[in-house]
Amino acid sequence: MNKKTFLSAFAAAAFALAMTSCDNSAKKEAEPAAVQTNPIELKIAYVEVDSIMTQYQFCKDYSLVLQKKSQNIQNTLQQKAAALQNAAANFQQKLQQNAYTEQQARSIQAGLQKQQADLEALQQRLGNELQAENEKFNTALHDSIQHFLAAYNKDKKYTLILSKAGDNILYADKAHDITRQVIAGLNKSYKKPADLGKAAAKKEDKK
C-alpha cells in the first residue's frame, strides 16, 4: 500500500512597524524610517505516520479488508488461469491425436483465445477495483486525521503539525512528538462501520 502526506501546516510570519520623525522647526531632513520586528513564536509538533498506520484501529480494520480483497482476486485469477491452461493442454494433446477436424480445431482454438482475452480483461478490471479501494482508504484516512486535528488544535494552538515518515524530517526533538495523543484521540472517536469488510467477503469471480 502507497502512503500519502496528509497533515495540514500553517505559515507564520513576522510584521514590521516603520516610523519616521521630522523636525519642522529646525528644517532638518527627515531621518530614515526605523523598523521594529516582532516575530511570532512558532509552536510546532509532529506525528509519526508509521505509528498511525499500525496503531489506529481504522487502519487495522481497513488493512484486513484490503488484504482479503487482494487474496480473493489472486485466488480467482489463479483458478481461471489454471482452468485455461488445462483446457489448452487438453486441446494440444487431442490435436496431436487427430481427434478434431480442421473446423473443430479452429473453433476450439478461437474459444481458448477468447478465454485468454477475457482473463486478461478480468485481471485488469479487478486490479483497477483494488486500486480504487486503496485510494478510497487513503482519502478516508486523510479526512479522519484532518478532522481530528482541526478539533485537537483548537486548544493546543500549534502553528505547524508535521507528518514524520521515515527520514523525511532529518531531526525532531521528541518533546514535540504528539503521536500518542493523536492516536489515542483517533481511536476514541473511531466507530467501526457495521458493514466493513462485507465487500471483500464476496467472491470476485461472481462479478
N, C-alpha and C. Protein backbone atom coordinates (compact mmCIF):
# COMPACT_ATOMS: atom_id res chain seq x y z
N MET A 1 0.82 -1.17 0.00
CA MET A 1 0.00 0.00 0.00
C MET A 1 0.85 1.22 0.00
N ASN A 2 0.54 2.22 -1.01
CA ASN A 2 1.15 3.51 -1.11
C ASN A 2 0.72 4.38 0.03
N LYS A 3 1.74 5.15 0.79
CA LYS A 3 1.38 6.09 1.83
C LYS A 3 1.53 7.51 1.36
N LYS A 4 0.44 8.44 1.66
CA LYS A 4 0.43 9.81 1.24
C LYS A 4 0.67 10.71 2.42
N THR A 5 1.34 12.15 2.29
CA THR A 5 1.43 13.19 3.32
C THR A 5 0.08 13.83 3.47
N PHE A 6 -0.49 13.81 4.69
CA PHE A 6 -1.85 14.27 4.80
C PHE A 6 -2.09 15.27 5.92
N LEU A 7 -1.06 15.71 6.75
CA LEU A 7 -1.29 16.62 7.87
C LEU A 7 -1.17 18.06 7.42
N SER A 8 -2.05 18.94 7.93
CA SER A 8 -2.08 20.34 7.49
C SER A 8 -0.97 21.14 8.15
N ALA A 9 -0.53 22.26 7.48
CA ALA A 9 0.50 23.14 8.01
C ALA A 9 0.08 24.57 7.81
N PHE A 10 0.42 25.42 8.77
CA PHE A 10 0.05 26.82 8.70
C PHE A 10 1.32 27.67 8.78
N ALA A 11 1.41 28.66 7.91
CA ALA A 11 2.59 29.51 7.87
C ALA A 11 2.47 30.62 8.89
N ALA A 12 3.60 30.97 9.54
CA ALA A 12 3.63 32.07 10.50
C ALA A 12 4.58 33.13 9.97
N ALA A 13 4.22 34.39 10.11
CA ALA A 13 5.04 35.48 9.57
C ALA A 13 5.25 36.56 10.62
N ALA A 14 6.34 37.33 10.44
CA ALA A 14 6.61 38.46 11.33
C ALA A 14 6.12 39.74 10.67
N PHE A 15 5.84 40.78 11.49
CA PHE A 15 5.41 42.05 10.90
C PHE A 15 6.38 43.16 11.32
N ALA A 16 6.40 44.22 10.51
CA ALA A 16 7.31 45.34 10.79
C ALA A 16 6.51 46.62 10.88
N LEU A 17 6.90 47.48 11.83
CA LEU A 17 6.25 48.79 12.01
C LEU A 17 7.30 49.87 11.78
N ALA A 18 7.05 50.72 10.78
CA ALA A 18 8.02 51.77 10.45
C ALA A 18 7.52 53.13 10.94
N MET A 19 8.44 53.88 11.50
CA MET A 19 8.08 55.22 11.99
C MET A 19 9.12 56.23 11.52
N THR A 20 8.65 57.36 11.15
CA THR A 20 9.57 58.43 10.76
C THR A 20 9.27 59.68 11.59
N SER A 21 10.29 60.48 11.79
CA SER A 21 10.11 61.74 12.53
C SER A 21 10.76 62.89 11.75
N CYS A 22 10.19 64.05 11.89
CA CYS A 22 10.72 65.21 11.16
C CYS A 22 10.63 66.44 12.04
N ASP A 23 11.74 67.16 12.17
CA ASP A 23 11.76 68.39 12.96
C ASP A 23 11.54 69.57 12.04
N ASN A 24 10.26 70.01 11.92
CA ASN A 24 9.93 71.10 11.01
C ASN A 24 10.51 72.43 11.46
N SER A 25 10.60 72.65 12.79
CA SER A 25 11.10 73.94 13.29
C SER A 25 12.56 74.13 12.94
N ALA A 26 13.34 73.02 12.98
CA ALA A 26 14.77 73.12 12.67
C ALA A 26 15.03 72.94 11.19
N LYS A 27 13.95 72.58 10.44
CA LYS A 27 14.06 72.38 8.99
C LYS A 27 15.19 71.42 8.63
N LYS A 28 15.22 70.26 9.39
CA LYS A 28 16.21 69.22 9.10
C LYS A 28 15.58 68.18 8.20
N GLU A 29 16.43 67.43 7.50
CA GLU A 29 15.94 66.37 6.65
C GLU A 29 15.33 65.26 7.51
N ALA A 30 14.30 64.63 6.96
CA ALA A 30 13.67 63.53 7.68
C ALA A 30 14.65 62.38 7.79
N GLU A 31 14.69 61.76 8.99
CA GLU A 31 15.59 60.64 9.23
C GLU A 31 15.00 59.37 8.62
N PRO A 32 15.85 58.41 8.31
CA PRO A 32 15.36 57.15 7.74
C PRO A 32 14.37 56.47 8.68
N ALA A 33 13.45 55.74 8.09
CA ALA A 33 12.44 55.05 8.89
C ALA A 33 13.09 54.01 9.78
N ALA A 34 12.60 53.91 11.01
CA ALA A 34 13.08 52.90 11.96
C ALA A 34 12.11 51.72 11.92
N VAL A 35 12.64 50.52 11.82
CA VAL A 35 11.82 49.32 11.69
C VAL A 35 11.95 48.47 12.94
N GLN A 36 10.80 48.06 13.48
CA GLN A 36 10.78 47.15 14.61
C GLN A 36 10.13 45.84 14.16
N THR A 37 10.73 44.74 14.52
CA THR A 37 10.21 43.44 14.13
C THR A 37 9.82 42.65 15.35
N ASN A 38 8.59 42.20 15.36
CA ASN A 38 8.10 41.40 16.48
C ASN A 38 7.73 40.01 15.97
N PRO A 39 8.68 39.07 15.95
CA PRO A 39 8.39 37.74 15.39
C PRO A 39 7.39 36.97 16.26
N ILE A 40 6.54 36.23 15.57
CA ILE A 40 5.58 35.38 16.26
C ILE A 40 6.25 34.04 16.55
N GLU A 41 6.20 33.59 17.79
CA GLU A 41 6.85 32.35 18.18
C GLU A 41 6.11 31.16 17.57
N LEU A 42 6.87 30.28 16.93
CA LEU A 42 6.29 29.09 16.32
C LEU A 42 6.09 28.01 17.38
N LYS A 43 4.94 27.36 17.32
CA LYS A 43 4.67 26.22 18.19
C LYS A 43 4.46 25.02 17.27
N ILE A 44 5.43 24.10 17.30
CA ILE A 44 5.48 23.02 16.31
C ILE A 44 5.32 21.66 16.98
N ALA A 45 4.63 20.75 16.30
CA ALA A 45 4.51 19.36 16.74
C ALA A 45 4.61 18.46 15.52
N TYR A 46 4.84 17.18 15.77
CA TYR A 46 4.87 16.23 14.66
C TYR A 46 4.22 14.92 15.08
N VAL A 47 3.81 14.16 14.05
CA VAL A 47 3.15 12.88 14.26
C VAL A 47 3.85 11.81 13.43
N GLU A 48 4.13 10.66 14.05
CA GLU A 48 4.76 9.54 13.35
C GLU A 48 3.71 8.81 12.50
N VAL A 49 3.86 8.87 11.18
CA VAL A 49 2.90 8.26 10.27
C VAL A 49 2.87 6.73 10.43
N ASP A 50 4.04 6.11 10.56
CA ASP A 50 4.09 4.66 10.69
C ASP A 50 3.32 4.17 11.91
N SER A 51 3.37 4.92 13.00
CA SER A 51 2.65 4.54 14.21
C SER A 51 1.14 4.62 13.99
N ILE A 52 0.71 5.64 13.26
CA ILE A 52 -0.72 5.75 12.95
C ILE A 52 -1.18 4.55 12.13
N MET A 53 -0.39 4.16 11.15
CA MET A 53 -0.76 3.05 10.27
C MET A 53 -0.87 1.72 11.03
N THR A 54 -0.09 1.56 12.11
CA THR A 54 -0.08 0.29 12.83
C THR A 54 -0.94 0.31 14.09
N GLN A 55 -1.28 1.50 14.60
CA GLN A 55 -1.99 1.58 15.87
C GLN A 55 -3.38 2.20 15.78
N TYR A 56 -3.68 2.88 14.70
CA TYR A 56 -5.01 3.45 14.52
C TYR A 56 -5.94 2.32 14.08
N GLN A 57 -7.00 2.07 14.83
CA GLN A 57 -7.87 0.92 14.58
C GLN A 57 -8.50 0.97 13.19
N PHE A 58 -8.77 2.16 12.70
CA PHE A 58 -9.32 2.30 11.35
C PHE A 58 -8.38 1.68 10.32
N CYS A 59 -7.07 1.95 10.48
CA CYS A 59 -6.08 1.40 9.55
C CYS A 59 -6.00 -0.12 9.68
N LYS A 60 -6.09 -0.63 10.90
CA LYS A 60 -6.06 -2.08 11.11
C LYS A 60 -7.25 -2.75 10.42
N ASP A 61 -8.44 -2.19 10.63
CA ASP A 61 -9.65 -2.77 10.05
C ASP A 61 -9.61 -2.74 8.53
N TYR A 62 -9.25 -1.58 7.98
CA TYR A 62 -9.27 -1.45 6.53
C TYR A 62 -8.15 -2.26 5.89
N SER A 63 -7.04 -2.42 6.60
CA SER A 63 -5.95 -3.23 6.09
C SER A 63 -6.40 -4.68 5.90
N LEU A 64 -7.20 -5.19 6.83
CA LEU A 64 -7.73 -6.54 6.71
C LEU A 64 -8.67 -6.65 5.51
N VAL A 65 -9.48 -5.62 5.30
CA VAL A 65 -10.40 -5.61 4.16
C VAL A 65 -9.62 -5.68 2.84
N LEU A 66 -8.59 -4.86 2.74
CA LEU A 66 -7.80 -4.82 1.51
C LEU A 66 -7.05 -6.14 1.30
N GLN A 67 -6.55 -6.73 2.38
CA GLN A 67 -5.85 -7.99 2.26
C GLN A 67 -6.79 -9.10 1.77
N LYS A 68 -8.00 -9.14 2.33
CA LYS A 68 -8.97 -10.15 1.91
C LYS A 68 -9.36 -9.96 0.45
N LYS A 69 -9.58 -8.71 0.08
CA LYS A 69 -9.98 -8.42 -1.31
C LYS A 69 -8.85 -8.82 -2.26
N SER A 70 -7.62 -8.50 -1.90
CA SER A 70 -6.48 -8.85 -2.73
C SER A 70 -6.32 -10.36 -2.85
N GLN A 71 -6.53 -11.08 -1.74
CA GLN A 71 -6.41 -12.53 -1.75
C GLN A 71 -7.50 -13.17 -2.60
N ASN A 72 -8.72 -12.63 -2.50
CA ASN A 72 -9.83 -13.13 -3.32
C ASN A 72 -9.55 -12.95 -4.81
N ILE A 73 -9.01 -11.79 -5.15
CA ILE A 73 -8.67 -11.52 -6.55
C ILE A 73 -7.61 -12.50 -7.03
N GLN A 74 -6.58 -12.70 -6.20
CA GLN A 74 -5.49 -13.60 -6.58
C GLN A 74 -6.01 -15.03 -6.77
N ASN A 75 -6.87 -15.47 -5.84
CA ASN A 75 -7.42 -16.83 -5.95
C ASN A 75 -8.26 -17.00 -7.21
N THR A 76 -9.08 -15.99 -7.49
CA THR A 76 -9.94 -16.05 -8.67
C THR A 76 -9.13 -16.15 -9.96
N LEU A 77 -8.11 -15.30 -10.07
CA LEU A 77 -7.29 -15.30 -11.28
C LEU A 77 -6.49 -16.59 -11.42
N GLN A 78 -6.01 -17.11 -10.31
CA GLN A 78 -5.24 -18.36 -10.37
C GLN A 78 -6.12 -19.53 -10.82
N GLN A 79 -7.36 -19.57 -10.31
CA GLN A 79 -8.28 -20.64 -10.69
C GLN A 79 -8.61 -20.59 -12.18
N LYS A 80 -8.89 -19.40 -12.66
CA LYS A 80 -9.26 -19.26 -14.07
C LYS A 80 -8.05 -19.52 -14.98
N ALA A 81 -6.87 -19.10 -14.53
CA ALA A 81 -5.66 -19.34 -15.32
C ALA A 81 -5.35 -20.83 -15.38
N ALA A 82 -5.55 -21.54 -14.26
CA ALA A 82 -5.30 -22.98 -14.23
C ALA A 82 -6.28 -23.72 -15.14
N ALA A 83 -7.55 -23.29 -15.10
CA ALA A 83 -8.56 -23.93 -15.96
C ALA A 83 -8.23 -23.73 -17.43
N LEU A 84 -7.79 -22.53 -17.77
CA LEU A 84 -7.44 -22.24 -19.16
C LEU A 84 -6.22 -23.03 -19.59
N GLN A 85 -5.25 -23.15 -18.71
CA GLN A 85 -4.04 -23.91 -19.03
C GLN A 85 -4.36 -25.38 -19.25
N ASN A 86 -5.24 -25.93 -18.42
CA ASN A 86 -5.63 -27.34 -18.59
C ASN A 86 -6.38 -27.54 -19.90
N ALA A 87 -7.26 -26.59 -20.23
CA ALA A 87 -8.02 -26.70 -21.48
C ALA A 87 -7.09 -26.63 -22.68
N ALA A 88 -6.10 -25.76 -22.61
CA ALA A 88 -5.15 -25.63 -23.71
C ALA A 88 -4.30 -26.89 -23.86
N ALA A 89 -3.89 -27.46 -22.72
CA ALA A 89 -3.08 -28.69 -22.76
C ALA A 89 -3.89 -29.85 -23.33
N ASN A 90 -5.16 -29.92 -22.94
CA ASN A 90 -6.04 -30.97 -23.45
C ASN A 90 -6.26 -30.82 -24.95
N PHE A 91 -6.40 -29.59 -25.39
CA PHE A 91 -6.58 -29.32 -26.83
C PHE A 91 -5.35 -29.75 -27.62
N GLN A 92 -4.17 -29.43 -27.11
CA GLN A 92 -2.94 -29.79 -27.81
C GLN A 92 -2.78 -31.31 -27.89
N GLN A 93 -3.13 -31.98 -26.80
CA GLN A 93 -2.99 -33.44 -26.78
C GLN A 93 -3.91 -34.10 -27.82
N LYS A 94 -5.17 -33.65 -27.84
CA LYS A 94 -6.13 -34.24 -28.79
C LYS A 94 -5.83 -33.82 -30.22
N LEU A 95 -5.25 -32.62 -30.35
CA LEU A 95 -4.88 -32.16 -31.70
C LEU A 95 -3.81 -33.06 -32.27
N GLN A 96 -2.86 -33.46 -31.45
CA GLN A 96 -1.79 -34.35 -31.90
C GLN A 96 -2.31 -35.74 -32.21
N GLN A 97 -3.42 -36.09 -31.61
CA GLN A 97 -4.03 -37.40 -31.84
C GLN A 97 -5.03 -37.37 -33.00
N ASN A 98 -5.08 -36.20 -33.66
CA ASN A 98 -6.01 -36.02 -34.80
C ASN A 98 -7.46 -36.28 -34.39
N ALA A 99 -7.82 -35.82 -33.18
CA ALA A 99 -9.16 -36.04 -32.66
C ALA A 99 -10.16 -35.02 -33.19
N TYR A 100 -9.67 -33.97 -33.83
CA TYR A 100 -10.56 -32.92 -34.33
C TYR A 100 -10.46 -32.80 -35.84
N THR A 101 -11.55 -32.36 -36.41
CA THR A 101 -11.49 -31.93 -37.81
C THR A 101 -10.84 -30.55 -37.82
N GLU A 102 -10.46 -30.11 -38.99
CA GLU A 102 -9.83 -28.78 -39.09
C GLU A 102 -10.76 -27.68 -38.59
N GLN A 103 -12.03 -27.81 -38.92
CA GLN A 103 -13.01 -26.80 -38.48
C GLN A 103 -13.19 -26.83 -36.97
N GLN A 104 -13.23 -28.02 -36.38
CA GLN A 104 -13.36 -28.14 -34.93
C GLN A 104 -12.13 -27.54 -34.22
N ALA A 105 -10.97 -27.82 -34.75
CA ALA A 105 -9.73 -27.31 -34.15
C ALA A 105 -9.71 -25.79 -34.15
N ARG A 106 -10.11 -25.21 -35.28
CA ARG A 106 -10.14 -23.75 -35.37
C ARG A 106 -11.15 -23.16 -34.38
N SER A 107 -12.28 -23.80 -34.23
CA SER A 107 -13.32 -23.31 -33.33
C SER A 107 -12.86 -23.37 -31.88
N ILE A 108 -12.22 -24.50 -31.49
CA ILE A 108 -11.74 -24.64 -30.12
C ILE A 108 -10.61 -23.66 -29.85
N GLN A 109 -9.71 -23.51 -30.82
CA GLN A 109 -8.60 -22.58 -30.65
C GLN A 109 -9.11 -21.15 -30.48
N ALA A 110 -10.13 -20.77 -31.24
CA ALA A 110 -10.72 -19.44 -31.12
C ALA A 110 -11.34 -19.26 -29.74
N GLY A 111 -11.97 -20.33 -29.24
CA GLY A 111 -12.57 -20.26 -27.90
C GLY A 111 -11.52 -20.08 -26.83
N LEU A 112 -10.39 -20.77 -26.95
CA LEU A 112 -9.30 -20.63 -25.98
C LEU A 112 -8.70 -19.22 -26.02
N GLN A 113 -8.58 -18.66 -27.19
CA GLN A 113 -8.05 -17.31 -27.32
C GLN A 113 -9.00 -16.29 -26.68
N LYS A 114 -10.30 -16.55 -26.83
CA LYS A 114 -11.28 -15.66 -26.20
C LYS A 114 -11.20 -15.76 -24.67
N GLN A 115 -11.03 -16.98 -24.16
CA GLN A 115 -10.88 -17.16 -22.72
C GLN A 115 -9.65 -16.42 -22.20
N GLN A 116 -8.57 -16.46 -22.98
CA GLN A 116 -7.35 -15.76 -22.60
C GLN A 116 -7.58 -14.25 -22.55
N ALA A 117 -8.27 -13.73 -23.55
CA ALA A 117 -8.57 -12.29 -23.59
C ALA A 117 -9.49 -11.89 -22.44
N ASP A 118 -10.47 -12.77 -22.15
CA ASP A 118 -11.39 -12.48 -21.05
C ASP A 118 -10.65 -12.48 -19.71
N LEU A 119 -9.71 -13.40 -19.55
CA LEU A 119 -8.93 -13.47 -18.32
C LEU A 119 -8.08 -12.21 -18.13
N GLU A 120 -7.48 -11.76 -19.22
CA GLU A 120 -6.66 -10.53 -19.14
C GLU A 120 -7.53 -9.32 -18.81
N ALA A 121 -8.73 -9.27 -19.39
CA ALA A 121 -9.64 -8.16 -19.09
C ALA A 121 -10.10 -8.21 -17.64
N LEU A 122 -10.36 -9.42 -17.12
CA LEU A 122 -10.77 -9.58 -15.73
C LEU A 122 -9.66 -9.15 -14.78
N GLN A 123 -8.44 -9.53 -15.12
CA GLN A 123 -7.29 -9.15 -14.29
C GLN A 123 -7.15 -7.62 -14.24
N GLN A 124 -7.34 -6.97 -15.37
CA GLN A 124 -7.25 -5.51 -15.42
C GLN A 124 -8.36 -4.87 -14.60
N ARG A 125 -9.57 -5.39 -14.73
CA ARG A 125 -10.71 -4.81 -14.02
C ARG A 125 -10.59 -4.97 -12.51
N LEU A 126 -10.21 -6.17 -12.08
CA LEU A 126 -10.08 -6.41 -10.65
C LEU A 126 -8.91 -5.61 -10.06
N GLY A 127 -7.85 -5.45 -10.85
CA GLY A 127 -6.74 -4.64 -10.40
C GLY A 127 -7.14 -3.18 -10.22
N ASN A 128 -7.95 -2.67 -11.15
CA ASN A 128 -8.44 -1.30 -11.05
C ASN A 128 -9.35 -1.12 -9.83
N GLU A 129 -10.15 -2.15 -9.56
CA GLU A 129 -11.05 -2.08 -8.41
C GLU A 129 -10.26 -2.05 -7.10
N LEU A 130 -9.20 -2.85 -7.03
CA LEU A 130 -8.36 -2.86 -5.82
C LEU A 130 -7.65 -1.53 -5.64
N GLN A 131 -7.18 -0.96 -6.74
CA GLN A 131 -6.53 0.35 -6.68
C GLN A 131 -7.52 1.42 -6.21
N ALA A 132 -8.75 1.36 -6.71
CA ALA A 132 -9.78 2.32 -6.29
C ALA A 132 -10.09 2.17 -4.81
N GLU A 133 -10.08 0.93 -4.34
CA GLU A 133 -10.34 0.68 -2.91
C GLU A 133 -9.21 1.26 -2.05
N ASN A 134 -7.98 1.13 -2.54
CA ASN A 134 -6.84 1.72 -1.83
C ASN A 134 -6.95 3.24 -1.77
N GLU A 135 -7.34 3.84 -2.89
CA GLU A 135 -7.49 5.29 -2.93
C GLU A 135 -8.62 5.75 -2.01
N LYS A 136 -9.68 4.97 -1.94
CA LYS A 136 -10.79 5.27 -1.04
C LYS A 136 -10.32 5.24 0.41
N PHE A 137 -9.50 4.25 0.74
CA PHE A 137 -8.95 4.15 2.09
C PHE A 137 -8.07 5.36 2.41
N ASN A 138 -7.19 5.72 1.49
CA ASN A 138 -6.29 6.85 1.72
C ASN A 138 -7.06 8.16 1.93
N THR A 139 -8.10 8.34 1.13
CA THR A 139 -8.92 9.55 1.27
C THR A 139 -9.64 9.58 2.62
N ALA A 140 -10.20 8.44 3.02
CA ALA A 140 -10.90 8.37 4.30
C ALA A 140 -9.94 8.58 5.46
N LEU A 141 -8.74 8.03 5.35
CA LEU A 141 -7.73 8.20 6.40
C LEU A 141 -7.33 9.67 6.51
N HIS A 142 -7.06 10.28 5.38
CA HIS A 142 -6.70 11.71 5.34
C HIS A 142 -7.78 12.56 5.98
N ASP A 143 -9.04 12.31 5.61
CA ASP A 143 -10.15 13.11 6.12
C ASP A 143 -10.32 12.94 7.63
N SER A 144 -10.19 11.71 8.11
CA SER A 144 -10.38 11.47 9.54
C SER A 144 -9.31 12.15 10.37
N ILE A 145 -8.07 12.14 9.88
CA ILE A 145 -6.97 12.79 10.62
C ILE A 145 -7.11 14.30 10.57
N GLN A 146 -7.45 14.83 9.40
CA GLN A 146 -7.64 16.28 9.27
C GLN A 146 -8.76 16.77 10.19
N HIS A 147 -9.84 16.02 10.23
CA HIS A 147 -10.99 16.40 11.06
C HIS A 147 -10.60 16.37 12.54
N PHE A 148 -9.87 15.33 12.95
CA PHE A 148 -9.46 15.24 14.35
C PHE A 148 -8.51 16.36 14.73
N LEU A 149 -7.51 16.61 13.88
CA LEU A 149 -6.51 17.64 14.21
C LEU A 149 -7.12 19.04 14.26
N ALA A 150 -8.13 19.28 13.45
CA ALA A 150 -8.80 20.59 13.48
C ALA A 150 -9.43 20.83 14.85
N ALA A 151 -10.04 19.79 15.40
CA ALA A 151 -10.64 19.92 16.74
C ALA A 151 -9.57 19.91 17.82
N TYR A 152 -8.57 19.04 17.67
CA TYR A 152 -7.49 18.90 18.65
C TYR A 152 -6.71 20.20 18.80
N ASN A 153 -6.49 20.90 17.70
CA ASN A 153 -5.63 22.09 17.73
C ASN A 153 -6.35 23.35 18.20
N LYS A 154 -7.65 23.27 18.43
CA LYS A 154 -8.36 24.44 18.95
C LYS A 154 -7.82 24.85 20.32
N ASP A 155 -7.44 23.86 21.11
CA ASP A 155 -6.89 24.13 22.44
C ASP A 155 -5.36 24.18 22.42
N LYS A 156 -4.74 23.33 21.60
CA LYS A 156 -3.28 23.24 21.60
C LYS A 156 -2.61 24.44 20.93
N LYS A 157 -3.27 24.99 19.92
CA LYS A 157 -2.77 26.20 19.23
C LYS A 157 -1.39 25.98 18.58
N TYR A 158 -1.19 24.85 17.95
CA TYR A 158 0.07 24.63 17.24
C TYR A 158 0.07 25.44 15.94
N THR A 159 1.22 26.01 15.63
CA THR A 159 1.38 26.73 14.37
C THR A 159 1.58 25.75 13.22
N LEU A 160 2.36 24.69 13.48
CA LEU A 160 2.64 23.65 12.49
C LEU A 160 2.48 22.28 13.13
N ILE A 161 1.82 21.37 12.43
CA ILE A 161 1.79 19.96 12.82
C ILE A 161 2.30 19.18 11.62
N LEU A 162 3.46 18.58 11.77
CA LEU A 162 4.13 17.92 10.65
C LEU A 162 3.92 16.41 10.70
N SER A 163 3.99 15.79 9.54
CA SER A 163 3.95 14.33 9.47
C SER A 163 5.38 13.81 9.32
N LYS A 164 5.77 12.88 10.16
CA LYS A 164 7.11 12.30 10.12
C LYS A 164 7.01 10.86 9.63
N ALA A 165 7.58 10.63 8.46
CA ALA A 165 7.58 9.29 7.87
C ALA A 165 8.99 8.94 7.46
N GLY A 166 9.57 7.94 8.09
CA GLY A 166 10.95 7.59 7.76
C GLY A 166 11.91 8.72 8.10
N ASP A 167 12.69 9.13 7.11
CA ASP A 167 13.68 10.19 7.32
C ASP A 167 13.31 11.49 6.62
N ASN A 168 12.01 11.72 6.40
CA ASN A 168 11.63 12.96 5.71
C ASN A 168 11.89 14.18 6.59
N ILE A 169 12.01 13.98 7.91
CA ILE A 169 12.44 15.05 8.82
C ILE A 169 13.80 14.62 9.38
N LEU A 170 14.83 15.40 9.13
CA LEU A 170 16.18 15.00 9.50
C LEU A 170 16.38 14.93 11.00
N TYR A 171 15.76 15.85 11.73
CA TYR A 171 15.87 15.82 13.20
C TYR A 171 14.57 16.34 13.79
N ALA A 172 14.11 15.68 14.84
CA ALA A 172 12.91 16.12 15.54
C ALA A 172 13.06 15.81 17.02
N ASP A 173 12.94 16.82 17.85
CA ASP A 173 13.00 16.65 19.30
C ASP A 173 11.75 15.89 19.75
N LYS A 174 11.93 14.82 20.53
CA LYS A 174 10.81 14.02 20.98
C LYS A 174 9.82 14.81 21.83
N ALA A 175 10.26 15.95 22.33
CA ALA A 175 9.35 16.80 23.12
C ALA A 175 8.20 17.32 22.27
N HIS A 176 8.40 17.35 20.94
CA HIS A 176 7.37 17.84 20.02
C HIS A 176 6.53 16.70 19.43
N ASP A 177 6.76 15.48 19.88
CA ASP A 177 6.04 14.32 19.35
C ASP A 177 4.68 14.19 20.03
N ILE A 178 3.61 14.34 19.23
CA ILE A 178 2.26 14.22 19.78
C ILE A 178 1.55 12.98 19.22
N THR A 179 2.34 12.03 18.71
CA THR A 179 1.76 10.84 18.07
C THR A 179 0.84 10.09 19.01
N ARG A 180 1.28 9.86 20.25
CA ARG A 180 0.48 9.06 21.18
C ARG A 180 -0.86 9.71 21.47
N GLN A 181 -0.86 11.03 21.65
CA GLN A 181 -2.12 11.73 21.92
C GLN A 181 -3.06 11.67 20.71
N VAL A 182 -2.46 11.82 19.52
CA VAL A 182 -3.28 11.81 18.30
C VAL A 182 -3.89 10.43 18.08
N ILE A 183 -3.10 9.38 18.24
CA ILE A 183 -3.62 8.03 18.05
C ILE A 183 -4.72 7.72 19.07
N ALA A 184 -4.49 8.12 20.32
CA ALA A 184 -5.50 7.89 21.36
C ALA A 184 -6.80 8.62 21.02
N GLY A 185 -6.68 9.85 20.53
CA GLY A 185 -7.87 10.61 20.16
C GLY A 185 -8.58 10.03 18.95
N LEU A 186 -7.80 9.58 17.96
CA LEU A 186 -8.39 8.97 16.77
C LEU A 186 -9.15 7.70 17.12
N ASN A 187 -8.54 6.85 17.94
CA ASN A 187 -9.18 5.59 18.32
C ASN A 187 -10.42 5.82 19.18
N LYS A 188 -10.38 6.86 20.01
CA LYS A 188 -11.53 7.16 20.86
C LYS A 188 -12.73 7.59 20.03
N SER A 189 -12.49 8.33 18.96
CA SER A 189 -13.58 8.84 18.14
C SER A 189 -13.99 7.88 17.01
N TYR A 190 -13.20 6.83 16.80
CA TYR A 190 -13.46 5.90 15.69
C TYR A 190 -14.59 4.94 16.03
N LYS A 191 -15.51 4.80 15.10
CA LYS A 191 -16.59 3.83 15.23
C LYS A 191 -16.56 2.95 13.99
N LYS A 192 -16.33 1.68 14.22
CA LYS A 192 -16.20 0.75 13.10
C LYS A 192 -17.53 0.55 12.40
N PRO A 193 -17.58 0.79 11.08
CA PRO A 193 -18.82 0.57 10.32
C PRO A 193 -19.25 -0.89 10.40
N ALA A 194 -20.54 -1.10 10.53
CA ALA A 194 -21.06 -2.47 10.67
C ALA A 194 -20.81 -3.31 9.43
N ASP A 195 -20.79 -2.65 8.27
CA ASP A 195 -20.65 -3.40 7.01
C ASP A 195 -19.21 -3.45 6.51
N LEU A 196 -18.25 -3.02 7.33
CA LEU A 196 -16.86 -3.01 6.88
C LEU A 196 -16.38 -4.44 6.63
N GLY A 197 -15.94 -4.68 5.44
CA GLY A 197 -15.42 -6.00 5.10
C GLY A 197 -16.38 -6.87 4.33
N LYS A 198 -17.65 -6.49 4.24
CA LYS A 198 -18.61 -7.33 3.52
C LYS A 198 -18.27 -7.43 2.04
N ALA A 199 -17.82 -6.32 1.49
CA ALA A 199 -17.48 -6.33 0.05
C ALA A 199 -16.33 -7.28 -0.24
N ALA A 200 -15.37 -7.33 0.70
CA ALA A 200 -14.21 -8.19 0.48
C ALA A 200 -14.57 -9.66 0.60
N ALA A 201 -15.65 -9.97 1.32
CA ALA A 201 -16.04 -11.36 1.52
C ALA A 201 -16.70 -11.96 0.30
N LYS A 202 -17.16 -11.12 -0.62
CA LYS A 202 -17.81 -11.61 -1.83
C LYS A 202 -16.78 -12.22 -2.78
N LYS A 203 -17.18 -13.24 -3.48
CA LYS A 203 -16.25 -13.86 -4.42
C LYS A 203 -16.14 -13.00 -5.66
N GLU A 204 -14.88 -12.75 -6.05
CA GLU A 204 -14.62 -11.85 -7.16
C GLU A 204 -15.08 -12.46 -8.50
N ASP A 205 -15.11 -13.81 -8.60
CA ASP A 205 -15.46 -14.40 -9.89
C ASP A 205 -16.95 -14.37 -10.17
N LYS A 206 -17.75 -13.84 -9.22
CA LYS A 206 -19.17 -13.72 -9.47
C LYS A 206 -19.51 -12.39 -10.10
N LYS A 207 -18.50 -11.51 -10.25
CA LYS A 207 -18.75 -10.19 -10.81
C LYS A 207 -19.01 -10.29 -12.30
